[in-house]
Protein backbone atom coordinates (compact mmCIF):
# COMPACT_ATOMS: atom_id res chain seq x y z
CA MET A 1 -17.49 -3.91 17.96
CA PHE A 2 -15.72 -0.56 17.95
CA ASN A 3 -18.26 1.74 19.63
CA GLU A 4 -16.25 4.95 19.95
CA ALA A 5 -15.58 5.45 16.26
CA PRO A 6 -15.03 8.89 14.77
CA LYS A 7 -17.80 10.02 12.46
CA ILE A 8 -17.59 8.91 8.84
CA SER A 9 -19.43 10.60 5.98
CA THR A 10 -22.28 8.81 4.23
CA GLU A 11 -20.26 8.86 1.01
CA LEU A 12 -17.22 7.14 2.52
CA LYS A 13 -19.44 4.56 4.24
CA LEU A 14 -21.08 3.72 0.92
CA VAL A 15 -17.81 3.57 -1.00
CA ALA A 16 -16.28 1.34 1.69
CA LEU A 17 -19.17 -1.13 1.45
CA LEU A 18 -19.20 -1.20 -2.35
CA SER A 19 -15.42 -1.70 -2.37
CA LEU A 20 -15.84 -5.17 -0.88
CA PRO A 21 -15.63 -8.08 -3.34
CA ARG A 22 -18.69 -9.73 -1.78
CA LEU A 23 -21.74 -8.17 -0.12
CA GLU A 24 -23.73 -10.00 2.54
CA LYS A 25 -27.48 -9.36 2.87
CA GLU A 26 -27.02 -6.98 5.81
CA GLN A 27 -24.38 -4.99 3.91
CA LEU A 28 -26.61 -4.81 0.85
CA ASN A 29 -29.43 -3.43 3.00
CA GLN A 30 -27.04 -0.77 4.30
CA VAL A 31 -26.11 0.15 0.72
CA VAL A 32 -29.77 0.55 -0.25
CA ALA A 33 -30.35 2.86 2.73
CA LEU A 34 -27.23 4.95 2.08
CA ILE A 35 -27.71 5.63 -1.65
CA GLN A 36 -30.80 7.69 -0.88
CA ARG A 37 -28.71 10.45 0.71
CA VAL A 38 -25.30 10.64 -0.96
CA ASP A 39 -23.57 13.17 -3.18
CA VAL A 40 -22.95 11.12 -6.32
CA GLU A 41 -20.25 13.48 -7.61
CA LYS A 42 -18.30 12.97 -4.41
CA ILE A 43 -18.76 9.21 -4.77
CA LYS A 44 -17.19 9.40 -8.25
CA GLN A 45 -14.26 11.37 -6.87
CA LEU A 46 -13.71 8.92 -4.01
CA ILE A 47 -13.82 5.70 -6.05
CA ASP A 48 -11.32 7.12 -8.54
CA HIS A 49 -8.91 8.39 -5.91
CA HIS A 50 -9.09 5.29 -3.73
CA ARG A 51 -8.89 3.03 -6.81
CA THR A 52 -11.76 0.85 -5.66
CA TRP A 53 -13.95 1.54 -8.69
CA PRO A 54 -13.67 -2.05 -10.09
CA CYS A 55 -15.49 -3.54 -7.07
CA VAL A 56 -17.91 -0.62 -6.94
CA PHE A 57 -18.79 -1.11 -10.61
CA LYS A 58 -19.22 -4.89 -10.32
CA ASN A 59 -21.37 -4.62 -7.19
CA CYS A 60 -23.62 -2.01 -8.80
CA GLN A 61 -23.89 -4.25 -11.87
CA ARG A 62 -24.45 -7.49 -9.93
CA PHE A 63 -27.13 -6.13 -7.60
CA ASN A 64 -28.62 -3.60 -10.02
CA ILE A 65 -27.84 -0.71 -7.65
CA PRO A 66 -29.08 2.56 -9.21
CA LEU A 67 -26.20 4.74 -8.03
CA PHE A 68 -24.89 6.22 -11.29
CA ASP A 69 -26.58 7.66 -14.36
CA ILE A 70 -26.55 5.68 -17.63
CA ASP A 71 -23.65 7.61 -19.18
CA TYR A 72 -21.33 7.16 -16.21
CA ALA A 73 -22.29 3.50 -15.82
CA LYS A 74 -21.40 2.99 -19.49
CA GLU A 75 -18.07 4.78 -18.94
CA LEU A 76 -17.29 2.47 -16.01
CA ALA A 77 -18.18 -0.60 -18.08
CA GLU A 78 -15.80 0.46 -20.84
CA ARG A 79 -13.08 1.25 -18.30
CA PHE A 80 -13.55 -2.16 -16.69
CA GLU A 81 -13.04 -3.91 -20.04
CA ARG A 82 -9.75 -2.06 -20.51
CA HIS A 83 -8.84 -2.87 -16.91
CA LYS A 84 -9.41 -6.60 -17.54
CA GLN A 85 -6.99 -6.52 -20.45
CA THR A 86 -4.40 -4.77 -18.28
CA CYS A 87 -4.83 -7.43 -15.57
CA LEU A 88 -4.25 -10.19 -18.12
CA LYS A 89 -1.09 -8.45 -19.33
CA GLN A 90 0.08 -8.06 -15.72
CA PHE A 91 -0.57 -11.75 -15.04
CA LYS A 92 1.44 -12.71 -18.12
CA ALA A 93 4.29 -10.30 -17.26
CA LEU A 94 4.47 -11.68 -13.71
CA GLY A 95 4.77 -15.24 -14.97
CA GLU A 96 7.48 -14.27 -17.44
CA ILE A 97 9.71 -12.42 -14.97
CA LYS A 98 9.38 -15.20 -12.36
CA LYS A 99 10.29 -17.80 -14.98
CA LEU A 100 13.26 -15.71 -16.16
CA PHE A 101 14.65 -15.26 -12.64
CA ARG A 102 14.19 -18.89 -11.62
CA GLU A 103 15.86 -20.17 -14.78
CA HIS A 104 18.93 -18.15 -13.80
CA GLY A 105 18.99 -19.16 -10.14
CA ILE A 106 17.48 -15.97 -8.69
CA PRO A 107 14.92 -16.69 -5.92
CA VAL A 108 11.89 -14.44 -6.42
CA LYS A 109 8.62 -13.79 -4.57
CA GLU A 110 5.65 -11.79 -5.80
CA PHE A 111 3.69 -9.73 -3.26
CA LYS A 112 0.85 -7.18 -3.15
CA GLY A 113 -0.98 -6.73 -6.46
CA ILE A 114 -2.04 -9.95 -8.19
CA PRO A 115 -1.38 -12.45 -5.36
CA LEU A 116 -3.20 -10.20 -2.88
CA ALA A 117 -6.19 -9.78 -5.23
CA ARG A 118 -6.32 -13.51 -5.88
CA GLU A 119 -6.24 -14.38 -2.16
CA LEU A 120 -8.60 -11.76 -0.75
CA TYR A 121 -10.84 -10.77 -3.66
CA GLY A 122 -10.99 -14.09 -5.52
CA ASP A 123 -10.59 -12.31 -8.86
CA ILE A 124 -7.59 -10.27 -10.00
CA THR A 125 -9.84 -7.86 -11.92
CA LEU A 126 -11.59 -6.68 -8.73
CA ARG A 127 -8.54 -4.82 -7.42
CA GLN A 128 -6.65 -2.16 -9.37
CA SER A 129 -2.84 -2.19 -9.23
CA ARG A 130 -0.79 0.08 -11.43
CA ASP A 131 2.30 -2.11 -11.27
CA LEU A 132 3.67 -5.47 -10.18
CA ASP A 133 5.92 -6.03 -7.18
CA VAL A 134 8.49 -8.81 -6.90
CA LEU A 135 11.17 -9.35 -4.26
CA ILE A 136 14.71 -10.66 -4.75
CA SER A 137 17.70 -10.73 -2.42
CA GLU A 138 20.01 -7.72 -2.45
CA ASP A 139 23.03 -9.76 -3.53
CA LYS A 140 21.19 -10.70 -6.76
CA ARG A 141 20.28 -7.11 -7.65
CA ASP A 142 22.99 -6.40 -10.21
CA ILE A 143 22.73 -9.83 -11.83
CA ALA A 144 18.96 -9.38 -12.13
CA HIS A 145 19.43 -5.92 -13.66
CA GLU A 146 21.74 -7.21 -16.38
CA LEU A 147 19.45 -10.16 -17.05
CA LEU A 148 16.38 -7.96 -17.42
CA GLN A 149 18.13 -5.50 -19.71
CA ASP A 150 19.35 -8.37 -21.90
CA ASN A 151 15.74 -9.56 -22.21
CA GLY A 152 14.17 -6.29 -23.30
CA TYR A 153 13.17 -4.74 -19.97
CA LYS A 154 13.70 -0.97 -19.73
CA CYS A 155 14.73 0.85 -16.57
CA PRO A 156 13.94 4.52 -17.34
CA HIS A 157 14.71 5.96 -13.88
CA TYR A 158 18.21 4.50 -13.87
CA ASP A 159 19.40 4.14 -17.43
CA TYR A 160 20.16 7.85 -17.83
CA LEU A 161 21.95 8.23 -14.47
CA SER A 162 25.72 8.06 -14.11
CA ASN A 163 27.16 4.95 -12.46
CA LYS A 164 27.81 6.92 -9.27
CA LYS A 165 24.25 8.25 -9.09
CA GLN A 166 22.85 4.78 -9.78
CA LYS A 167 24.85 3.46 -6.84
CA ASP A 168 23.66 6.31 -4.60
CA LEU A 169 20.03 5.67 -5.48
CA LEU A 170 20.23 1.91 -5.00
CA ASP A 171 21.94 2.34 -1.63
CA PHE A 172 19.01 4.44 -0.40
CA HIS A 173 15.91 2.99 -2.08
CA LYS A 174 14.14 -0.34 -1.96
CA ASP A 175 13.46 -1.07 -5.62
CA ARG A 176 14.18 -0.55 -9.30
CA THR A 177 11.29 0.16 -11.66
CA TYR A 178 11.25 -1.66 -15.00
CA ILE A 179 9.01 -1.60 -18.03
CA ALA A 180 8.38 -5.13 -19.34
CA PRO A 181 8.36 -5.88 -23.09
CA ASN A 182 4.54 -5.84 -23.03
CA GLY A 183 4.49 -2.37 -21.41
CA ILE A 184 3.66 -3.44 -17.84
CA THR A 185 5.47 -1.66 -14.99
CA ILE A 186 7.32 -3.96 -12.57
CA GLU A 187 9.05 -2.93 -9.35
CA VAL A 188 11.91 -5.27 -8.44
CA HIS A 189 12.45 -4.91 -4.68
CA THR A 190 15.41 -5.87 -2.55
CA ARG A 191 13.35 -5.20 0.58
CA VAL A 192 9.60 -4.89 1.12
CA CYS A 193 9.64 -1.64 3.11
CA GLY A 194 11.16 1.69 2.25
CA TYR A 195 13.44 1.77 5.28
CA LYS A 196 15.98 -0.69 6.67
CA THR A 197 14.15 -1.13 9.97
CA ASP A 198 13.87 -4.27 12.11
CA PHE A 199 10.51 -5.17 10.56
CA SER A 200 11.66 -4.47 7.00
CA ASN A 201 14.66 -6.76 7.40
CA CYS A 202 12.59 -9.54 8.98
CA ALA A 203 9.71 -9.35 6.48
CA SER A 204 12.06 -9.30 3.49
CA GLN A 205 13.83 -12.43 4.74
CA ARG A 206 10.55 -14.21 5.54
CA PHE A 207 8.94 -13.41 2.18
CA LEU A 208 11.82 -15.08 0.34
CA ALA A 209 12.06 -18.09 2.67
CA SER A 210 9.74 -20.96 3.49
CA PHE A 211 8.01 -20.45 6.83
CA SER A 212 4.97 -21.71 8.71
CA ASP A 213 1.43 -20.75 7.73
CA GLU A 214 0.94 -19.13 11.14
CA GLU A 215 3.98 -16.90 10.81
CA LYS A 216 3.03 -16.09 7.23
CA ILE A 217 -0.35 -14.77 8.43
CA ILE A 218 1.31 -12.60 11.08
CA ILE A 219 3.98 -11.12 8.80
CA GLN A 220 1.45 -10.45 6.02
CA LEU A 221 -0.90 -8.73 8.46
CA PHE A 222 1.93 -6.56 9.79
CA TYR A 223 3.00 -5.72 6.25
CA TYR A 224 -0.48 -4.70 5.08
CA CYS A 225 -0.83 -2.48 8.16
CA TRP A 226 2.63 -0.95 7.69
CA HIS A 227 2.06 -0.35 3.97
CA GLY A 228 -1.04 1.73 4.62
CA SER A 229 0.12 3.34 7.85
CA HIS A 230 3.32 4.84 6.50
CA THR A 231 1.30 6.95 4.05
CA LEU A 232 -1.62 7.71 6.43
CA PHE A 233 -3.86 5.24 4.56
CA HIS A 234 -4.55 7.78 1.85
CA ARG A 235 -6.18 5.03 -0.24
CA LEU A 236 -9.22 3.18 1.06
CA LYS A 237 -8.29 -0.01 -0.82
CA TRP A 238 -5.46 -0.64 1.68
CA VAL A 239 -7.94 -0.55 4.59
CA CYS A 240 -10.24 -2.85 2.64
CA ASP A 241 -7.33 -5.29 2.18
CA ILE A 242 -6.73 -5.35 5.94
CA ALA A 243 -10.42 -5.85 6.74
CA LEU A 244 -10.67 -8.77 4.30
CA PHE A 245 -7.47 -10.32 5.67
CA ILE A 246 -8.63 -10.00 9.29
CA THR A 247 -12.02 -11.50 8.42
CA LYS A 248 -10.42 -14.42 6.58
CA HIS A 249 -8.07 -15.24 9.48
CA LYS A 250 -10.32 -14.06 12.32
CA THR A 251 -10.14 -17.25 14.40
CA PHE A 252 -6.34 -17.44 14.28
CA ILE A 253 -5.81 -13.72 14.96
CA GLU A 254 -8.22 -13.52 17.90
CA GLY A 255 -6.90 -16.76 19.38
CA ASN A 256 -3.28 -15.60 19.22
CA ILE A 257 -3.63 -11.86 19.76
CA ASP A 258 -1.25 -11.80 22.76
CA SER A 259 1.62 -13.42 20.86
CA ILE A 260 0.86 -11.32 17.76
CA LEU A 261 1.04 -8.10 19.79
CA ALA A 262 4.24 -9.26 21.48
CA LYS A 263 5.80 -9.98 18.09
CA SER A 264 4.71 -6.58 16.77
CA HIS A 265 6.58 -4.96 19.67
CA ARG A 266 9.71 -7.05 19.07
CA LEU A 267 9.73 -6.04 15.39
CA ASP A 268 8.83 -2.42 16.26
CA VAL A 269 5.76 -2.44 14.05
CA SER A 270 3.17 -2.30 16.85
CA ARG A 271 1.90 1.21 16.09
CA ASP A 272 1.47 0.39 12.40
CA PHE A 273 -0.36 -2.82 13.34
CA ILE A 274 -2.66 -1.13 15.84
CA ASN A 275 -3.37 1.82 13.53
CA GLY A 276 -4.19 -0.43 10.57
CA TYR A 277 -6.32 -2.87 12.54
CA TYR A 278 -8.29 -0.09 14.22
CA LEU A 279 -8.92 1.85 11.04
CA ALA A 280 -10.30 -1.31 9.43
CA ALA A 281 -12.46 -1.85 12.53
CA ILE A 282 -13.79 1.72 12.41
CA ILE A 283 -14.72 1.64 8.73
CA TYR A 284 -15.86 -1.98 8.44
CA ARG A 285 -17.30 -2.41 11.95
CA LEU A 286 -15.06 -5.29 12.98
CA GLU A 287 -14.68 -6.77 16.44
CA VAL A 288 -11.49 -5.62 18.18
CA PRO A 289 -9.65 -7.92 20.64
CA THR A 290 -9.56 -6.48 24.16
CA ARG A 291 -5.75 -6.35 24.40
CA LEU A 292 -5.48 -4.45 21.14
CA LYS A 293 -8.24 -2.06 22.21
CA GLN A 294 -6.40 -1.32 25.45
CA GLN A 295 -3.19 -0.48 23.63
CA TYR A 296 -5.04 1.77 21.19
CA GLN A 297 -6.84 3.64 23.99
CA SER A 298 -3.54 4.28 25.78
CA SER A 299 -1.86 5.75 22.69
CA TRP A 300 -2.64 9.39 21.89
CA LEU A 301 -0.58 9.04 18.72
CA SER A 302 -2.81 6.22 17.42
CA LYS A 303 -5.99 8.17 18.17
CA ILE A 304 -4.73 11.23 16.31
CA ASN A 305 -3.56 8.99 13.47
CA SER A 306 -7.06 7.49 13.03
CA LYS A 307 -8.72 10.90 12.87
CA LEU A 308 -6.19 12.24 10.38
CA CYS A 309 -6.43 9.15 8.18
CA LEU A 310 -10.21 9.42 8.00
CA TYR A 311 -10.08 13.16 7.34
CA TYR A 312 -7.67 12.84 4.42
CA MET A 313 -9.42 9.73 3.14
CA GLU A 314 -12.62 11.77 2.82
CA ASN A 315 -10.83 14.81 1.37
CA PRO A 316 -8.43 13.60 -1.35
CA ALA A 317 -7.70 17.13 -2.59
CA LYS A 318 -6.15 17.95 0.80
CA GLN A 319 -3.50 15.29 0.18
CA ASN A 320 -1.80 17.56 -2.34
CA THR A 321 -0.97 20.20 0.26
CA ILE A 322 2.35 20.83 1.98
CA LEU A 323 0.56 20.45 5.33
CA PHE A 324 -0.38 16.85 4.51
CA LYS A 325 3.19 16.07 3.46
CA LEU A 326 4.57 17.53 6.69
CA ILE A 327 2.06 15.55 8.79
CA LEU A 328 2.97 12.44 6.82
CA PHE A 329 6.67 13.06 7.44
CA TYR A 330 6.01 13.55 11.16
CA PHE A 331 4.05 10.31 11.57
CA GLU A 332 6.43 8.31 9.41
CA VAL A 333 9.35 9.30 11.60
CA LEU A 334 7.56 8.92 14.95
CA THR A 335 5.63 5.70 14.33
CA PRO A 336 8.56 3.41 15.29
CA ARG A 337 9.13 3.14 19.04
CA LYS A 338 12.85 2.31 19.00
CA SER A 339 15.24 5.24 18.62
CA SER A 340 17.42 3.17 16.28
CA ASN A 341 14.53 2.70 13.85
CA ILE A 342 13.47 6.34 14.13
CA PHE A 343 17.01 7.30 13.15
CA LYS A 344 16.96 4.90 10.19
CA VAL A 345 13.66 6.29 8.92
CA LEU A 346 14.75 9.90 9.41
CA THR A 347 18.10 9.52 7.64
CA GLN A 348 16.66 7.52 4.75
CA ARG A 349 13.74 9.96 4.45
CA LEU A 350 16.31 12.67 3.74
CA LYS A 351 18.09 10.73 1.03
CA PRO A 352 17.77 11.84 -2.62
CA THR A 353 15.10 10.64 -5.03
CA HIS A 354 15.69 9.93 -8.70
CA ILE A 355 14.38 13.47 -9.37
CA ASP A 356 17.09 14.92 -7.12
CA LEU A 357 19.79 12.86 -8.78
CA THR A 358 18.80 13.93 -12.28
CA THR A 359 18.74 17.64 -11.40
CA LEU A 360 21.63 17.95 -8.94
CA PRO A 361 25.34 17.63 -9.78
CA ASN A 362 27.51 14.72 -8.64
CA CYS A 363 28.54 15.17 -5.03
CA PRO A 364 29.31 12.99 -2.00
CA SER A 365 26.13 11.19 -0.99
CA ALA A 366 26.38 12.57 2.57
CA LEU A 367 25.71 16.08 1.23
CA TYR A 368 22.25 15.07 0.04
CA VAL A 369 21.13 14.91 3.67
CA PHE A 370 21.54 18.70 3.87
CA ILE A 371 19.96 19.33 0.45
CA ARG A 372 16.96 17.02 0.83
CA PRO A 373 14.77 19.15 3.18
CA PHE A 374 14.79 21.99 0.64
CA THR A 375 14.07 19.76 -2.35
CA LEU A 376 11.27 18.07 -0.39
CA LEU A 377 9.43 21.36 0.06
CA TYR A 378 10.12 22.37 -3.54
CA TYR A 379 8.72 19.15 -5.03
CA TYR A 380 5.74 19.13 -2.68
CA LYS A 381 4.91 22.65 -3.81
CA LEU A 382 5.06 21.47 -7.42
CA GLY A 383 2.90 18.46 -6.58
CA LYS A 384 5.60 15.96 -7.52
CA GLY A 385 5.13 13.79 -4.48
CA ARG A 386 7.79 12.41 -2.22
């Protein structure tokens, strides 16, 4: 077990436990002990921010845990009923877009969201996702766009841009966001990661192709760790996903840790993998393979990353500050080990967003590299994200 863990607040410990889809007897005993000394208002803030409230609500209901007052428990019950309806609409929308693409010869793969909830939580209503994610190959992007528009899908972030600005945005970013006819948001990706790094290229190809169960486990584990790591794990649900995945495939992962670590180095995703695995181990008290522990202990960057992730996880309001955005930028750029991947992340990080393209005049795309640092600070100050 990880015995040198940074301190975690009672509130985050409790939320982490209640965010699991299933509670063992020992975990339930821990919950009973923790609820005697928590700040309930902070608990409410954390479960909303980390979007783990569905599991928290169902666990409190299933085990009759007296955490919330009657009014708030009723509010959660009503919210959960609305959430169930949204999940059903998402499930229907996912089936429709997959059917549409396959009928027109466009290979498609769903990831995150519903398939993740189904695999790790056993129930799609136990994990909140605001949108759906599907992956297609880049050469099918324009055909897919025309097909979706012909079938009633709206693309609000692109439809009002000029052709030139649409091309600029698609050259830099990984997905297009559509609104399905039933109102569900769907992101159609041409790669699974935001940057065209070695791992992004490999994972995107593997997700769309048939490959062995063993390699599927490895690539999925790397992806879940990367997905959380590149935003400093500012949502607990991503750590919970990793912990559940590690637990499910514990025998395979521990038995093949040397080859998994070697592959993470070849794909230049080793820091993301180590950071994600260790954070899950810290919060969920998982066993850590010796080789992985050694690499973590020798990396000052990983140690700092863990402390920062836990700090911002416990203090969601701090995530809206310019300091957090600058730290995030720093770690996002420095997490790759290869200089070629650092350069790719840095240059793509300075590319324009759809907000830039709607407010700035047409100009050669290269000029956005010089404009982007100033717009980054401006939008962060306004709280408009990345």
